[in-house]
Amino acid sequence: MAEQKDTSYIQAFGLANILTILRMVLIPVFVIASVYQLHLLAFAVFVVAGTTDFLDRYIAGYIGDVTAVGTRPDPRAD
């Protein structure tokens, strides 16, 4: 009998890549909040983005969840 693989989205794409994409989505939110002088929102977005960067590096580096897809957008998101 053939073994079934878990093909859930997080398993297939990688948690580190999802965090990188989230960080990229937060960039325009941070810029818009800064332009409209929503300092608290801009700070909160900055903290969330920094946290996702830390988690992304931890997951990719220490756990070994490095993918070929993730090596391209991560430096751009940083």
C-alpha atoms as a PDB file:
ATOM      1  CA  MET A   1       0.000   0.000   0.000  1.00  0.00           C
ATOM      2  CA  ALA A   2       1.365   3.427  -0.942  1.00  0.00           C
ATOM      3  CA  GLU A   3       2.126   5.852   1.851  1.00  0.00           C
ATOM      4  CA  GLN A   4       0.082   9.047   1.797  1.00  0.00           C
ATOM      5  CA  LYS A   5       1.989  12.260   2.319  1.00  0.00           C
ATOM      6  CA  ASP A   6       0.644  15.243   4.204  1.00  0.00           C
ATOM      7  CA  THR A   7       0.160  17.910   1.548  1.00  0.00           C
ATOM      8  CA  SER A   8      -1.188  20.667   3.726  1.00  0.00           C
ATOM      9  CA  TYR A   9      -0.307  24.162   2.630  1.00  0.00           C
ATOM     10  CA  ILE A  10       2.097  24.861   5.491  1.00  0.00           C
ATOM     11  CA  GLN A  11       3.801  21.513   5.017  1.00  0.00           C
ATOM     12  CA  ALA A  12       4.186  22.003   1.257  1.00  0.00           C
ATOM     13  CA  PHE A  13       5.212  25.659   1.235  1.00  0.00           C
ATOM     14  CA  GLY A  14       7.099  25.890   4.517  1.00  0.00           C
ATOM     15  CA  LEU A  15       6.391  27.934   7.603  1.00  0.00           C
ATOM     16  CA  ALA A  16       9.499  30.084   7.068  1.00  0.00           C
ATOM     17  CA  ASN A  17       8.238  31.064   3.603  1.00  0.00           C
ATOM     18  CA  ILE A  18       4.813  31.958   4.964  1.00  0.00           C
ATOM     19  CA  LEU A  19       6.452  34.242   7.544  1.00  0.00           C
ATOM     20  CA  THR A  20       8.514  35.876   4.775  1.00  0.00           C
ATOM     21  CA  ILE A  21       5.394  36.553   2.706  1.00  0.00           C
ATOM     22  CA  LEU A  22       3.637  37.955   5.761  1.00  0.00           C
ATOM     23  CA  ARG A  23       6.565  40.309   6.290  1.00  0.00           C
ATOM     24  CA  MET A  24       6.358  41.429   2.658  1.00  0.00           C
ATOM     25  CA  VAL A  25       2.627  42.113   3.056  1.00  0.00           C
ATOM     26  CA  LEU A  26       3.327  44.219   6.147  1.00  0.00           C
ATOM     27  CA  ILE A  27       5.665  46.597   4.264  1.00  0.00           C
ATOM     28  CA  PRO A  28       2.902  48.666   2.599  1.00  0.00           C
ATOM     29  CA  VAL A  29       0.912  48.655   5.843  1.00  0.00           C
ATOM     30  CA  PHE A  30       3.922  50.117   7.652  1.00  0.00           C
ATOM     31  CA  VAL A  31       4.474  52.750   4.939  1.00  0.00           C
ATOM     32  CA  ILE A  32       0.819  53.806   4.887  1.00  0.00           C
ATOM     33  CA  ALA A  33       0.692  53.987   8.682  1.00  0.00           C
ATOM     34  CA  SER A  34       3.847  56.124   8.666  1.00  0.00           C
ATOM     35  CA  VAL A  35       2.567  58.473   5.962  1.00  0.00           C
ATOM     36  CA  TYR A  36      -0.711  59.030   7.791  1.00  0.00           C
ATOM     37  CA  GLN A  37       1.191  59.454  11.064  1.00  0.00           C
ATOM     38  CA  LEU A  38      -0.419  56.478  12.743  1.00  0.00           C
ATOM     39  CA  HIS A  39       2.632  55.976  14.909  1.00  0.00           C
ATOM     40  CA  LEU A  40       1.215  53.310  17.196  1.00  0.00           C
ATOM     41  CA  LEU A  41       0.061  51.200  14.245  1.00  0.00           C
ATOM     42  CA  ALA A  42       3.397  51.691  12.477  1.00  0.00           C
ATOM     43  CA  PHE A  43       5.256  50.628  15.606  1.00  0.00           C
ATOM     44  CA  ALA A  44       3.031  47.564  16.068  1.00  0.00           C
ATOM     45  CA  VAL A  45       3.575  46.531  12.440  1.00  0.00           C
ATOM     46  CA  PHE A  46       7.319  47.057  12.877  1.00  0.00           C
ATOM     47  CA  VAL A  47       7.359  44.823  15.957  1.00  0.00           C
ATOM     48  CA  VAL A  48       5.323  42.112  14.220  1.00  0.00           C
ATOM     49  CA  ALA A  49       7.607  42.251  11.167  1.00  0.00           C
ATOM     50  CA  GLY A  50      10.682  42.017  13.376  1.00  0.00           C
ATOM     51  CA  THR A  51       9.218  39.059  15.206  1.00  0.00           C
ATOM     52  CA  THR A  52       8.421  37.252  11.956  1.00  0.00           C
ATOM     53  CA  ASP A  53      11.972  37.907  10.764  1.00  0.00           C
ATOM     54  CA  PHE A  54      13.378  36.352  13.933  1.00  0.00           C
ATOM     55  CA  LEU A  55      11.050  33.352  13.702  1.00  0.00           C
ATOM     56  CA  ASP A  56      11.818  32.939  10.003  1.00  0.00           C
ATOM     57  CA  ARG A  57      15.558  32.845  10.647  1.00  0.00           C
ATOM     58  CA  TYR A  58      15.093  30.468  13.582  1.00  0.00           C
ATOM     59  CA  ILE A  59      12.902  28.071  11.647  1.00  0.00           C
ATOM     60  CA  ALA A  60      15.034  28.159   8.511  1.00  0.00           C
ATOM     61  CA  GLY A  61      18.379  27.985  10.281  1.00  0.00           C
ATOM     62  CA  TYR A  62      18.006  25.897  13.386  1.00  0.00           C
ATOM     63  CA  ILE A  63      15.193  23.604  12.372  1.00  0.00           C
ATOM     64  CA  GLY A  64      16.445  23.295   8.801  1.00  0.00           C
ATOM     65  CA  ASP A  65      13.277  24.322   6.993  1.00  0.00           C
ATOM     66  CA  VAL A  66      15.210  25.926   4.124  1.00  0.00           C
ATOM     67  CA  THR A  67      13.663  25.800   0.668  1.00  0.00           C
ATOM     68  CA  ALA A  68      14.877  26.972  -2.711  1.00  0.00           C
ATOM     69  CA  VAL A  69      11.810  29.204  -2.929  1.00  0.00           C
ATOM     70  CA  GLY A  70      12.594  30.896   0.381  1.00  0.00           C
ATOM     71  CA  THR A  71      16.138  31.907  -0.485  1.00  0.00           C
ATOM     72  CA  ARG A  72      14.929  34.457  -3.055  1.00  0.00           C
ATOM     73  CA  PRO A  73      12.274  36.570  -1.285  1.00  0.00           C
ATOM     74  CA  ASP A  74      13.718  36.527   2.240  1.00  0.00           C
ATOM     75  CA  PRO A  75      16.552  39.029   1.601  1.00  0.00           C
ATOM     76  CA  ARG A  76      14.084  41.310  -0.175  1.00  0.00           C
ATOM     77  CA  ALA A  77      11.673  41.174   2.754  1.00  0.00           C
ATOM     78  CA  ASP A  78      14.454  41.980   5.183  1.00  0.00           C
END
